[in-house]
Amino acid sequence: MSAEPTPLRQNVKRRENERAILAAAEKVFAEAGYGGATMQLIADVAGLPKANVHYYFQTKEELYRQVVSNIFDIWLQAAGSFDGATGPAEGIGAYIDAKMELSRTHPDGSKVWASEVMHGAPIIQDYLENILVEWTEGRARVIQGWIDAGRMDPISPHHLLYLIWATTQHYADFGHQVETLNGNVPLTAAQWDEAKTAVKTIVLKGIGVCG
């Protein structure tokens, strides 16, 4: 007679299932959009019964919001490069590195976010109005402080952030286009390093900072 699963093993299994569901949901939402995604399709991609998906997430909207929340949390971690940075070369340079790395490792998450925003953020407008606004204003104040100290050219901190987002996320949101122009193959690790260096050089020189 097999032993009953221990609480520890049960917890590990639950975490594994939840990770599988969230990874599958990120992929499905990126490819099909919110409207085209179904809980059955997400379950199929996760390799789990549909009932299991509903056990962890009762509705598609609940699952979608968790995917978006995870994406945003990862992006907020990347923004830690601003905290304690000695100046714009270090802070902005590290932020570009982190955002480029996220485009490499989490392209589906970036696509989910982009699609949601392009459709007017019908599900996550509250994220934009609260968390994103607060984060952006905080980083804009840091950049303005560097400008006031004469550490970089006097440009709009908000437009600088928009430029960085657009440039770094291009490598995820338009990954197919990038691959096509790269001979129909994904960028190698060396090519990603080259891209990071190019983006940092263009941005830092453009704001009057030596990298």
N, C-alpha and C. Protein backbone atom coordinates (compact mmCIF):
# COMPACT_ATOMS: atom_id res chain seq x y z
N MET A 1 0.85 -1.18 0.00
CA MET A 1 0.00 0.00 0.00
C MET A 1 0.89 1.24 0.00
N SER A 2 0.68 2.15 -0.94
CA SER A 2 1.55 3.32 -1.05
C SER A 2 1.27 4.29 0.07
N ALA A 3 2.33 4.93 0.52
CA ALA A 3 2.20 5.90 1.61
C ALA A 3 1.49 7.15 1.10
N GLU A 4 0.75 7.78 2.01
CA GLU A 4 0.08 9.04 1.67
C GLU A 4 1.15 10.11 1.41
N PRO A 5 0.92 10.98 0.42
CA PRO A 5 1.89 12.04 0.17
C PRO A 5 2.00 12.97 1.37
N THR A 6 3.21 13.34 1.69
CA THR A 6 3.45 14.23 2.82
C THR A 6 3.03 15.64 2.45
N PRO A 7 2.73 16.48 3.47
CA PRO A 7 2.40 17.89 3.17
C PRO A 7 3.48 18.59 2.37
N LEU A 8 4.75 18.26 2.62
CA LEU A 8 5.84 18.89 1.89
C LEU A 8 5.77 18.52 0.42
N ARG A 9 5.56 17.21 0.14
CA ARG A 9 5.47 16.77 -1.25
C ARG A 9 4.25 17.38 -1.93
N GLN A 10 3.17 17.52 -1.20
CA GLN A 10 1.97 18.13 -1.75
C GLN A 10 2.22 19.60 -2.12
N ASN A 11 2.94 20.30 -1.23
CA ASN A 11 3.25 21.71 -1.50
C ASN A 11 4.15 21.85 -2.72
N VAL A 12 5.13 20.96 -2.84
CA VAL A 12 6.02 20.99 -3.99
C VAL A 12 5.23 20.75 -5.27
N LYS A 13 4.33 19.77 -5.23
CA LYS A 13 3.52 19.46 -6.40
C LYS A 13 2.62 20.63 -6.78
N ARG A 14 2.05 21.30 -5.77
CA ARG A 14 1.19 22.45 -6.05
C ARG A 14 1.98 23.57 -6.71
N ARG A 15 3.18 23.82 -6.21
CA ARG A 15 4.02 24.88 -6.79
C ARG A 15 4.41 24.53 -8.23
N GLU A 16 4.70 23.25 -8.46
CA GLU A 16 5.06 22.82 -9.82
C GLU A 16 3.88 23.01 -10.77
N ASN A 17 2.69 22.62 -10.32
CA ASN A 17 1.50 22.78 -11.15
C ASN A 17 1.22 24.25 -11.44
N GLU A 18 1.34 25.07 -10.43
CA GLU A 18 1.07 26.50 -10.61
C GLU A 18 2.07 27.12 -11.58
N ARG A 19 3.34 26.75 -11.45
CA ARG A 19 4.36 27.27 -12.38
C ARG A 19 4.06 26.82 -13.81
N ALA A 20 3.65 25.55 -13.97
CA ALA A 20 3.35 25.04 -15.30
C ALA A 20 2.15 25.77 -15.90
N ILE A 21 1.14 26.03 -15.09
CA ILE A 21 -0.04 26.74 -15.58
C ILE A 21 0.31 28.16 -15.99
N LEU A 22 1.09 28.85 -15.16
CA LEU A 22 1.44 30.24 -15.46
C LEU A 22 2.32 30.33 -16.71
N ALA A 23 3.25 29.38 -16.86
CA ALA A 23 4.11 29.38 -18.05
C ALA A 23 3.28 29.12 -19.30
N ALA A 24 2.34 28.18 -19.21
CA ALA A 24 1.48 27.88 -20.34
C ALA A 24 0.58 29.06 -20.66
N ALA A 25 0.05 29.70 -19.62
CA ALA A 25 -0.85 30.84 -19.82
C ALA A 25 -0.10 31.99 -20.49
N GLU A 26 1.12 32.23 -20.07
CA GLU A 26 1.92 33.31 -20.67
C GLU A 26 2.09 33.06 -22.17
N LYS A 27 2.38 31.83 -22.51
CA LYS A 27 2.58 31.47 -23.92
C LYS A 27 1.27 31.60 -24.71
N VAL A 28 0.19 31.09 -24.16
CA VAL A 28 -1.10 31.13 -24.87
C VAL A 28 -1.60 32.56 -25.01
N PHE A 29 -1.52 33.34 -23.95
CA PHE A 29 -1.98 34.73 -24.03
C PHE A 29 -1.12 35.53 -25.03
N ALA A 30 0.17 35.21 -25.10
CA ALA A 30 1.05 35.92 -26.05
C ALA A 30 0.67 35.58 -27.48
N GLU A 31 0.30 34.33 -27.74
CA GLU A 31 0.02 33.88 -29.11
C GLU A 31 -1.42 34.14 -29.54
N ALA A 32 -2.37 33.98 -28.61
CA ALA A 32 -3.79 34.07 -28.96
C ALA A 32 -4.46 35.34 -28.47
N GLY A 33 -3.80 36.08 -27.58
CA GLY A 33 -4.44 37.23 -26.98
C GLY A 33 -5.42 36.79 -25.91
N TYR A 34 -5.91 37.77 -25.15
CA TYR A 34 -6.85 37.43 -24.08
C TYR A 34 -8.13 36.82 -24.65
N GLY A 35 -8.65 37.43 -25.72
CA GLY A 35 -9.91 36.97 -26.28
C GLY A 35 -9.82 35.58 -26.89
N GLY A 36 -8.69 35.24 -27.49
CA GLY A 36 -8.54 33.96 -28.15
C GLY A 36 -8.12 32.83 -27.23
N ALA A 37 -7.63 33.17 -26.06
CA ALA A 37 -7.17 32.15 -25.12
C ALA A 37 -8.35 31.50 -24.41
N THR A 38 -8.23 30.22 -24.12
CA THR A 38 -9.24 29.51 -23.35
C THR A 38 -8.55 28.73 -22.24
N MET A 39 -9.29 28.45 -21.20
CA MET A 39 -8.73 27.67 -20.10
C MET A 39 -8.39 26.25 -20.56
N GLN A 40 -9.15 25.72 -21.51
CA GLN A 40 -8.85 24.39 -22.03
C GLN A 40 -7.53 24.39 -22.78
N LEU A 41 -7.30 25.42 -23.61
CA LEU A 41 -6.05 25.50 -24.35
C LEU A 41 -4.87 25.65 -23.40
N ILE A 42 -5.03 26.45 -22.38
CA ILE A 42 -3.96 26.63 -21.39
C ILE A 42 -3.68 25.31 -20.68
N ALA A 43 -4.73 24.58 -20.34
CA ALA A 43 -4.57 23.28 -19.69
C ALA A 43 -3.83 22.31 -20.60
N ASP A 44 -4.18 22.32 -21.89
CA ASP A 44 -3.52 21.43 -22.83
C ASP A 44 -2.03 21.74 -22.93
N VAL A 45 -1.68 23.01 -23.00
CA VAL A 45 -0.27 23.40 -23.10
C VAL A 45 0.47 23.06 -21.82
N ALA A 46 -0.20 23.20 -20.68
CA ALA A 46 0.42 22.87 -19.39
C ALA A 46 0.51 21.37 -19.16
N GLY A 47 -0.25 20.59 -19.94
CA GLY A 47 -0.27 19.14 -19.75
C GLY A 47 -1.02 18.72 -18.51
N LEU A 48 -2.07 19.49 -18.18
CA LEU A 48 -2.86 19.22 -16.99
C LEU A 48 -4.34 19.19 -17.35
N PRO A 49 -5.16 18.50 -16.56
CA PRO A 49 -6.60 18.55 -16.78
C PRO A 49 -7.13 19.98 -16.57
N LYS A 50 -8.17 20.33 -17.31
CA LYS A 50 -8.75 21.66 -17.17
C LYS A 50 -9.20 21.92 -15.74
N ALA A 51 -9.69 20.89 -15.06
CA ALA A 51 -10.14 21.05 -13.68
C ALA A 51 -9.00 21.51 -12.77
N ASN A 52 -7.78 21.06 -13.07
CA ASN A 52 -6.64 21.49 -12.27
C ASN A 52 -6.37 22.97 -12.43
N VAL A 53 -6.52 23.46 -13.66
CA VAL A 53 -6.30 24.89 -13.90
C VAL A 53 -7.32 25.70 -13.12
N HIS A 54 -8.58 25.26 -13.14
CA HIS A 54 -9.62 25.99 -12.40
C HIS A 54 -9.44 25.87 -10.89
N TYR A 55 -8.76 24.83 -10.45
CA TYR A 55 -8.49 24.70 -9.01
C TYR A 55 -7.59 25.84 -8.54
N TYR A 56 -6.59 26.20 -9.36
CA TYR A 56 -5.66 27.25 -8.98
C TYR A 56 -6.16 28.64 -9.38
N PHE A 57 -6.88 28.71 -10.49
CA PHE A 57 -7.36 30.01 -10.99
C PHE A 57 -8.81 29.81 -11.47
N GLN A 58 -9.74 30.39 -10.74
CA GLN A 58 -11.15 30.11 -11.02
C GLN A 58 -11.60 30.64 -12.37
N THR A 59 -11.04 31.77 -12.81
CA THR A 59 -11.48 32.37 -14.07
C THR A 59 -10.27 32.70 -14.94
N LYS A 60 -10.54 32.90 -16.22
CA LYS A 60 -9.48 33.30 -17.15
C LYS A 60 -8.92 34.66 -16.77
N GLU A 61 -9.79 35.57 -16.35
CA GLU A 61 -9.31 36.90 -15.97
C GLU A 61 -8.38 36.84 -14.77
N GLU A 62 -8.71 36.01 -13.79
CA GLU A 62 -7.84 35.86 -12.62
C GLU A 62 -6.46 35.34 -13.04
N LEU A 63 -6.44 34.37 -13.93
CA LEU A 63 -5.17 33.82 -14.41
C LEU A 63 -4.41 34.86 -15.22
N TYR A 64 -5.12 35.59 -16.06
CA TYR A 64 -4.48 36.62 -16.88
C TYR A 64 -3.85 37.70 -16.01
N ARG A 65 -4.58 38.14 -15.00
CA ARG A 65 -4.05 39.18 -14.11
C ARG A 65 -2.82 38.69 -13.35
N GLN A 66 -2.78 37.41 -13.00
CA GLN A 66 -1.61 36.87 -12.33
C GLN A 66 -0.41 36.85 -13.28
N VAL A 67 -0.64 36.49 -14.55
CA VAL A 67 0.43 36.52 -15.54
C VAL A 67 0.98 37.94 -15.68
N VAL A 68 0.09 38.90 -15.81
CA VAL A 68 0.50 40.30 -15.97
C VAL A 68 1.24 40.78 -14.72
N SER A 69 0.73 40.41 -13.56
CA SER A 69 1.39 40.80 -12.30
C SER A 69 2.80 40.24 -12.23
N ASN A 70 2.99 38.99 -12.64
CA ASN A 70 4.32 38.38 -12.64
C ASN A 70 5.26 39.11 -13.60
N ILE A 71 4.73 39.45 -14.78
CA ILE A 71 5.54 40.18 -15.76
C ILE A 71 6.00 41.50 -15.17
N PHE A 72 5.06 42.21 -14.58
CA PHE A 72 5.37 43.53 -14.05
C PHE A 72 6.34 43.44 -12.88
N ASP A 73 6.19 42.42 -12.04
CA ASP A 73 7.13 42.24 -10.92
C ASP A 73 8.55 42.03 -11.43
N ILE A 74 8.70 41.26 -12.50
CA ILE A 74 10.02 41.03 -13.09
C ILE A 74 10.60 42.33 -13.62
N TRP A 75 9.76 43.13 -14.27
CA TRP A 75 10.23 44.42 -14.79
C TRP A 75 10.62 45.36 -13.66
N LEU A 76 9.88 45.32 -12.55
CA LEU A 76 10.22 46.17 -11.41
C LEU A 76 11.57 45.77 -10.82
N GLN A 77 11.85 44.48 -10.81
CA GLN A 77 13.15 44.03 -10.32
C GLN A 77 14.28 44.58 -11.19
N ALA A 78 14.03 44.64 -12.50
CA ALA A 78 15.04 45.19 -13.41
C ALA A 78 15.30 46.66 -13.09
N ALA A 79 14.28 47.34 -12.61
CA ALA A 79 14.42 48.76 -12.31
C ALA A 79 15.27 49.00 -11.06
N GLY A 80 15.63 47.94 -10.35
CA GLY A 80 16.48 48.10 -9.18
C GLY A 80 17.83 48.69 -9.52
N SER A 81 18.20 48.67 -10.80
CA SER A 81 19.48 49.24 -11.21
C SER A 81 19.54 50.73 -10.93
N PHE A 82 18.39 51.39 -10.84
CA PHE A 82 18.36 52.81 -10.53
C PHE A 82 18.69 53.07 -9.06
N ASP A 83 18.31 52.12 -8.21
CA ASP A 83 18.45 52.33 -6.78
C ASP A 83 19.92 52.27 -6.36
N GLY A 84 20.40 53.35 -5.83
CA GLY A 84 21.78 53.40 -5.36
C GLY A 84 22.81 53.60 -6.45
N ALA A 85 22.37 53.82 -7.70
CA ALA A 85 23.33 54.05 -8.78
C ALA A 85 24.07 55.36 -8.54
N THR A 86 25.36 55.38 -8.87
CA THR A 86 26.17 56.58 -8.63
C THR A 86 25.93 57.65 -9.68
N GLY A 87 25.32 57.28 -10.81
CA GLY A 87 25.08 58.26 -11.86
C GLY A 87 24.36 57.63 -13.03
N PRO A 88 24.07 58.40 -14.06
CA PRO A 88 23.29 57.90 -15.20
C PRO A 88 23.98 56.81 -15.99
N ALA A 89 25.30 56.85 -16.12
CA ALA A 89 25.99 55.81 -16.89
C ALA A 89 25.77 54.45 -16.24
N GLU A 90 25.90 54.40 -14.93
CA GLU A 90 25.70 53.14 -14.21
C GLU A 90 24.23 52.76 -14.16
N GLY A 91 23.36 53.70 -13.74
CA GLY A 91 21.96 53.39 -13.55
C GLY A 91 21.23 53.08 -14.83
N ILE A 92 21.34 53.95 -15.81
CA ILE A 92 20.63 53.74 -17.07
C ILE A 92 21.25 52.59 -17.86
N GLY A 93 22.58 52.50 -17.82
CA GLY A 93 23.25 51.39 -18.51
C GLY A 93 22.82 50.05 -17.98
N ALA A 94 22.77 49.92 -16.65
CA ALA A 94 22.36 48.65 -16.04
C ALA A 94 20.89 48.36 -16.31
N TYR A 95 20.07 49.40 -16.35
CA TYR A 95 18.65 49.22 -16.63
C TYR A 95 18.44 48.70 -18.05
N ILE A 96 19.19 49.25 -19.00
CA ILE A 96 19.10 48.76 -20.38
C ILE A 96 19.55 47.31 -20.45
N ASP A 97 20.64 46.97 -19.79
CA ASP A 97 21.11 45.58 -19.76
C ASP A 97 20.00 44.65 -19.24
N ALA A 98 19.37 45.06 -18.13
CA ALA A 98 18.35 44.22 -17.50
C ALA A 98 17.12 44.08 -18.40
N LYS A 99 16.70 45.17 -19.03
CA LYS A 99 15.53 45.11 -19.90
C LYS A 99 15.82 44.28 -21.15
N MET A 100 17.01 44.38 -21.69
CA MET A 100 17.37 43.56 -22.85
C MET A 100 17.39 42.08 -22.47
N GLU A 101 17.89 41.78 -21.27
CA GLU A 101 17.94 40.38 -20.83
C GLU A 101 16.53 39.83 -20.65
N LEU A 102 15.61 40.65 -20.16
CA LEU A 102 14.24 40.20 -20.00
C LEU A 102 13.57 39.95 -21.35
N SER A 103 13.92 40.75 -22.35
CA SER A 103 13.39 40.50 -23.69
C SER A 103 13.91 39.18 -24.24
N ARG A 104 15.12 38.81 -23.84
CA ARG A 104 15.69 37.54 -24.28
C ARG A 104 15.06 36.35 -23.56
N THR A 105 14.84 36.50 -22.25
CA THR A 105 14.40 35.36 -21.45
C THR A 105 12.88 35.27 -21.26
N HIS A 106 12.17 36.41 -21.42
CA HIS A 106 10.72 36.42 -21.21
C HIS A 106 10.00 37.11 -22.38
N PRO A 107 10.23 36.65 -23.61
CA PRO A 107 9.60 37.33 -24.75
C PRO A 107 8.08 37.24 -24.73
N ASP A 108 7.53 36.11 -24.28
CA ASP A 108 6.08 35.97 -24.26
C ASP A 108 5.44 36.96 -23.29
N GLY A 109 6.07 37.16 -22.15
CA GLY A 109 5.54 38.11 -21.18
C GLY A 109 5.48 39.51 -21.74
N SER A 110 6.52 39.89 -22.45
CA SER A 110 6.55 41.22 -23.07
C SER A 110 5.42 41.36 -24.09
N LYS A 111 5.18 40.30 -24.86
CA LYS A 111 4.12 40.33 -25.87
C LYS A 111 2.74 40.44 -25.23
N VAL A 112 2.54 39.76 -24.12
CA VAL A 112 1.25 39.84 -23.42
C VAL A 112 1.00 41.29 -23.00
N TRP A 113 2.01 41.90 -22.40
CA TRP A 113 1.88 43.28 -21.94
C TRP A 113 1.61 44.22 -23.11
N ALA A 114 2.37 44.08 -24.19
CA ALA A 114 2.22 44.95 -25.35
C ALA A 114 0.82 44.82 -25.95
N SER A 115 0.33 43.60 -26.09
CA SER A 115 -0.99 43.39 -26.67
C SER A 115 -2.07 44.00 -25.81
N GLU A 116 -1.96 43.83 -24.51
CA GLU A 116 -2.95 44.39 -23.59
C GLU A 116 -2.99 45.92 -23.70
N VAL A 117 -1.83 46.54 -23.71
CA VAL A 117 -1.79 48.01 -23.76
C VAL A 117 -2.29 48.52 -25.11
N MET A 118 -1.92 47.83 -26.19
CA MET A 118 -2.36 48.27 -27.51
C MET A 118 -3.87 48.18 -27.68
N HIS A 119 -4.51 47.34 -26.87
CA HIS A 119 -5.97 47.22 -26.93
C HIS A 119 -6.65 48.10 -25.88
N GLY A 120 -5.90 49.04 -25.32
CA GLY A 120 -6.49 49.97 -24.36
C GLY A 120 -6.50 49.48 -22.94
N ALA A 121 -5.74 48.45 -22.64
CA ALA A 121 -5.62 47.90 -21.29
C ALA A 121 -6.98 47.62 -20.64
N PRO A 122 -7.85 46.85 -21.29
CA PRO A 122 -9.18 46.60 -20.72
C PRO A 122 -9.16 45.81 -19.42
N ILE A 123 -8.11 45.03 -19.19
CA ILE A 123 -8.05 44.19 -17.99
C ILE A 123 -7.15 44.80 -16.92
N ILE A 124 -6.09 45.48 -17.32
CA ILE A 124 -5.08 45.91 -16.34
C ILE A 124 -4.93 47.43 -16.26
N GLN A 125 -5.96 48.18 -16.61
CA GLN A 125 -5.85 49.64 -16.54
C GLN A 125 -5.47 50.11 -15.14
N ASP A 126 -5.94 49.39 -14.13
CA ASP A 126 -5.60 49.78 -12.76
C ASP A 126 -4.09 49.66 -12.50
N TYR A 127 -3.42 48.69 -13.13
CA TYR A 127 -1.97 48.59 -13.01
C TYR A 127 -1.30 49.85 -13.57
N LEU A 128 -1.79 50.28 -14.73
CA LEU A 128 -1.19 51.44 -15.38
C LEU A 128 -1.39 52.70 -14.54
N GLU A 129 -2.60 52.86 -14.00
CA GLU A 129 -2.93 54.08 -13.28
C GLU A 129 -2.31 54.15 -11.90
N ASN A 130 -1.94 53.03 -11.36
CA ASN A 130 -1.41 53.03 -10.01
C ASN A 130 0.07 52.62 -9.98
N ILE A 131 0.35 51.35 -10.19
CA ILE A 131 1.72 50.86 -10.03
C ILE A 131 2.65 51.47 -11.07
N LEU A 132 2.23 51.48 -12.34
CA LEU A 132 3.12 52.00 -13.39
C LEU A 132 3.36 53.49 -13.22
N VAL A 133 2.32 54.24 -12.89
CA VAL A 133 2.48 55.68 -12.69
C VAL A 133 3.44 55.95 -11.54
N GLU A 134 3.26 55.26 -10.43
CA GLU A 134 4.12 55.46 -9.26
C GLU A 134 5.57 55.13 -9.59
N TRP A 135 5.78 53.98 -10.27
CA TRP A 135 7.14 53.59 -10.62
C TRP A 135 7.78 54.61 -11.56
N THR A 136 7.05 55.02 -12.58
CA THR A 136 7.59 55.93 -13.57
C THR A 136 7.95 57.27 -12.96
N GLU A 137 7.08 57.80 -12.12
CA GLU A 137 7.36 59.09 -11.49
C GLU A 137 8.59 59.01 -10.59
N GLY A 138 8.74 57.89 -9.91
CA GLY A 138 9.92 57.73 -9.05
C GLY A 138 11.20 57.72 -9.84
N ARG A 139 11.23 56.98 -10.97
CA ARG A 139 12.45 56.92 -11.79
C ARG A 139 12.68 58.25 -12.52
N ALA A 140 11.60 58.92 -12.89
CA ALA A 140 11.75 60.23 -13.54
C ALA A 140 12.41 61.23 -12.58
N ARG A 141 12.09 61.13 -11.29
CA ARG A 141 12.72 62.02 -10.31
C ARG A 141 14.22 61.74 -10.19
N VAL A 142 14.58 60.46 -10.25
CA VAL A 142 16.01 60.11 -10.20
C VAL A 142 16.74 60.70 -11.40
N ILE A 143 16.16 60.52 -12.59
CA ILE A 143 16.79 61.05 -13.80
C ILE A 143 16.87 62.56 -13.74
N GLN A 144 15.80 63.22 -13.26
CA GLN A 144 15.81 64.68 -13.16
C GLN A 144 16.90 65.14 -12.20
N GLY A 145 17.14 64.36 -11.16
CA GLY A 145 18.21 64.70 -10.23
C GLY A 145 19.57 64.68 -10.90
N TRP A 146 19.80 63.71 -11.78
CA TRP A 146 21.05 63.67 -12.53
C TRP A 146 21.16 64.86 -13.48
N ILE A 147 20.03 65.24 -14.07
CA ILE A 147 20.04 66.41 -14.95
C ILE A 147 20.37 67.66 -14.15
N ASP A 148 19.71 67.84 -13.02
CA ASP A 148 19.94 69.02 -12.18
C ASP A 148 21.38 69.10 -11.70
N ALA A 149 22.03 67.94 -11.53
CA ALA A 149 23.42 67.90 -11.07
C ALA A 149 24.41 68.04 -12.23
N GLY A 150 23.90 68.20 -13.44
CA GLY A 150 24.77 68.34 -14.60
C GLY A 150 25.43 67.05 -15.04
N ARG A 151 24.83 65.91 -14.67
CA ARG A 151 25.42 64.61 -15.01
C ARG A 151 24.99 64.12 -16.39
N MET A 152 23.96 64.75 -16.97
CA MET A 152 23.47 64.36 -18.30
C MET A 152 22.74 65.54 -18.92
N ASP A 153 22.46 65.44 -20.20
CA ASP A 153 21.79 66.53 -20.91
C ASP A 153 20.37 66.72 -20.38
N PRO A 154 19.85 67.96 -20.45
CA PRO A 154 18.48 68.23 -19.97
C PRO A 154 17.43 67.78 -20.98
N ILE A 155 16.97 66.57 -20.81
CA ILE A 155 15.91 66.03 -21.67
C ILE A 155 14.77 65.54 -20.79
N SER A 156 13.64 65.27 -21.41
CA SER A 156 12.48 64.79 -20.66
C SER A 156 12.73 63.39 -20.10
N PRO A 157 12.73 63.23 -18.76
CA PRO A 157 12.91 61.89 -18.19
C PRO A 157 11.86 60.89 -18.68
N HIS A 158 10.63 61.35 -18.84
CA HIS A 158 9.57 60.44 -19.29
C HIS A 158 9.84 59.94 -20.70
N HIS A 159 10.22 60.83 -21.59
CA HIS A 159 10.46 60.40 -22.97
C HIS A 159 11.70 59.50 -23.06
N LEU A 160 12.67 59.72 -22.17
CA LEU A 160 13.82 58.83 -22.14
C LEU A 160 13.39 57.43 -21.75
N LEU A 161 12.53 57.32 -20.74
CA LEU A 161 12.04 56.01 -20.33
C LEU A 161 11.22 55.35 -21.44
N TYR A 162 10.37 56.12 -22.12
CA TYR A 162 9.59 55.56 -23.21
C TYR A 162 10.51 55.00 -24.31
N LEU A 163 11.58 55.75 -24.58
CA LEU A 163 12.54 55.32 -25.61
C LEU A 163 13.20 54.00 -25.22
N ILE A 164 13.61 53.90 -23.96
CA ILE A 164 14.27 52.67 -23.48
C ILE A 164 13.30 51.50 -23.56
N TRP A 165 12.06 51.71 -23.12
CA TRP A 165 11.07 50.62 -23.17
C TRP A 165 10.86 50.16 -24.60
N ALA A 166 10.65 51.12 -25.49
CA ALA A 166 10.37 50.77 -26.89
C ALA A 166 11.53 50.02 -27.53
N THR A 167 12.74 50.48 -27.26
CA THR A 167 13.92 49.89 -27.89
C THR A 167 14.19 48.48 -27.35
N THR A 168 14.21 48.35 -26.04
CA THR A 168 14.56 47.05 -25.46
C THR A 168 13.46 46.01 -25.71
N GLN A 169 12.20 46.41 -25.61
CA GLN A 169 11.11 45.46 -25.79
C GLN A 169 10.88 45.12 -27.26
N HIS A 170 11.45 45.89 -28.15
CA HIS A 170 11.37 45.56 -29.58
C HIS A 170 11.94 44.16 -29.84
N TYR A 171 12.99 43.80 -29.12
CA TYR A 171 13.64 42.52 -29.34
C TYR A 171 12.78 41.34 -28.90
N ALA A 172 11.75 41.60 -28.08
CA ALA A 172 10.80 40.56 -27.71
C ALA A 172 9.54 40.65 -28.56
N ASP A 173 8.94 41.85 -28.59
CA ASP A 173 7.66 42.01 -29.27
C ASP A 173 7.77 41.79 -30.78
N PHE A 174 8.93 42.12 -31.35
CA PHE A 174 9.16 41.92 -32.78
C PHE A 174 10.27 40.90 -33.00
N GLY A 175 10.30 39.91 -32.11
CA GLY A 175 11.34 38.89 -32.18
C GLY A 175 11.38 38.17 -33.51
N HIS A 176 10.20 37.90 -34.09
CA HIS A 176 10.18 37.20 -35.38
C HIS A 176 10.86 38.04 -36.46
N GLN A 177 10.60 39.33 -36.43
CA GLN A 177 11.23 40.23 -37.40
C GLN A 177 12.75 40.26 -37.21
N VAL A 178 13.18 40.32 -35.95
CA VAL A 178 14.61 40.32 -35.65
C VAL A 178 15.26 39.04 -36.17
N GLU A 179 14.60 37.89 -35.92
CA GLU A 179 15.13 36.61 -36.39
C GLU A 179 15.18 36.55 -37.92
N THR A 180 14.14 37.07 -38.56
CA THR A 180 14.11 37.07 -40.03
C THR A 180 15.31 37.84 -40.59
N LEU A 181 15.56 39.00 -40.00
CA LEU A 181 16.68 39.83 -40.45
C LEU A 181 18.04 39.26 -40.02
N ASN A 182 17.99 38.24 -39.16
CA ASN A 182 19.21 37.57 -38.71
C ASN A 182 19.39 36.24 -39.43
N GLY A 183 18.86 36.14 -40.65
CA GLY A 183 19.01 34.90 -41.41
C GLY A 183 18.08 33.80 -40.96
N ASN A 184 16.93 34.19 -40.35
CA ASN A 184 15.92 33.24 -39.88
C ASN A 184 16.43 32.35 -38.75
N VAL A 185 17.32 32.87 -37.95
CA VAL A 185 17.79 32.14 -36.76
C VAL A 185 17.78 33.10 -35.57
N PRO A 186 17.55 32.57 -34.35
CA PRO A 186 17.57 33.43 -33.17
C PRO A 186 18.94 34.05 -32.95
N LEU A 187 18.96 35.17 -32.27
CA LEU A 187 20.24 35.80 -31.93
C LEU A 187 21.03 34.88 -31.01
N THR A 188 22.32 34.79 -31.25
CA THR A 188 23.20 34.03 -30.36
C THR A 188 23.49 34.85 -29.11
N ALA A 189 24.12 34.23 -28.13
CA ALA A 189 24.50 34.95 -26.91
C ALA A 189 25.42 36.12 -27.26
N ALA A 190 26.33 35.90 -28.19
CA ALA A 190 27.25 36.97 -28.59
C ALA A 190 26.49 38.11 -29.26
N GLN A 191 25.49 37.78 -30.06
CA GLN A 191 24.70 38.81 -30.72
C GLN A 191 23.85 39.59 -29.73
N TRP A 192 23.35 38.92 -28.70
CA TRP A 192 22.61 39.63 -27.66
C TRP A 192 23.54 40.62 -26.94
N ASP A 193 24.76 40.20 -26.65
CA ASP A 193 25.72 41.10 -26.01
C ASP A 193 26.01 42.29 -26.91
N GLU A 194 26.13 42.03 -28.20
CA GLU A 194 26.38 43.10 -29.16
C GLU A 194 25.19 44.08 -29.18
N ALA A 195 23.98 43.53 -29.14
CA ALA A 195 22.79 44.38 -29.15
C ALA A 195 22.73 45.24 -27.89
N LYS A 196 23.02 44.65 -26.73
CA LYS A 196 23.02 45.42 -25.49
C LYS A 196 24.01 46.57 -25.56
N THR A 197 25.20 46.27 -26.03
CA THR A 197 26.23 47.31 -26.13
C THR A 197 25.81 48.42 -27.08
N ALA A 198 25.22 48.04 -28.21
CA ALA A 198 24.79 49.03 -29.20
C ALA A 198 23.71 49.93 -28.62
N VAL A 199 22.71 49.35 -27.97
CA VAL A 199 21.62 50.15 -27.42
C VAL A 199 22.13 51.08 -26.33
N LYS A 200 22.98 50.56 -25.45
CA LYS A 200 23.53 51.41 -24.39
C LYS A 200 24.35 52.56 -24.97
N THR A 201 25.17 52.27 -25.95
CA THR A 201 26.01 53.31 -26.55
C THR A 201 25.17 54.40 -27.18
N ILE A 202 24.15 54.01 -27.93
CA ILE A 202 23.28 54.98 -28.61
C ILE A 202 22.55 55.84 -27.58
N VAL A 203 21.97 55.23 -26.56
CA VAL A 203 21.20 55.98 -25.57
C VAL A 203 22.11 56.88 -24.73
N LEU A 204 23.20 56.32 -24.21
CA LEU A 204 24.05 57.11 -23.32
C LEU A 204 24.72 58.27 -24.05
N LYS A 205 25.19 58.04 -25.25
CA LYS A 205 25.77 59.14 -26.02
C LYS A 205 24.70 60.18 -26.37
N GLY A 206 23.49 59.70 -26.62
CA GLY A 206 22.40 60.60 -26.98
C GLY A 206 21.99 61.53 -25.86
N ILE A 207 22.26 61.13 -24.60
CA ILE A 207 21.92 61.99 -23.48
C ILE A 207 23.16 62.65 -22.87
N GLY A 208 24.26 62.57 -23.62
CA GLY A 208 25.48 63.26 -23.18
C GLY A 208 26.21 62.59 -22.06
N VAL A 209 26.16 61.26 -22.03
CA VAL A 209 26.82 60.49 -20.97
C VAL A 209 27.85 59.56 -21.59
N CYS A 210 29.01 59.46 -20.98
CA CYS A 210 30.01 58.49 -21.42
C CYS A 210 29.76 57.19 -20.70
N GLY A 211 29.59 56.09 -21.45
CA GLY A 211 29.32 54.80 -20.83
C GLY A 211 30.52 54.20 -20.14
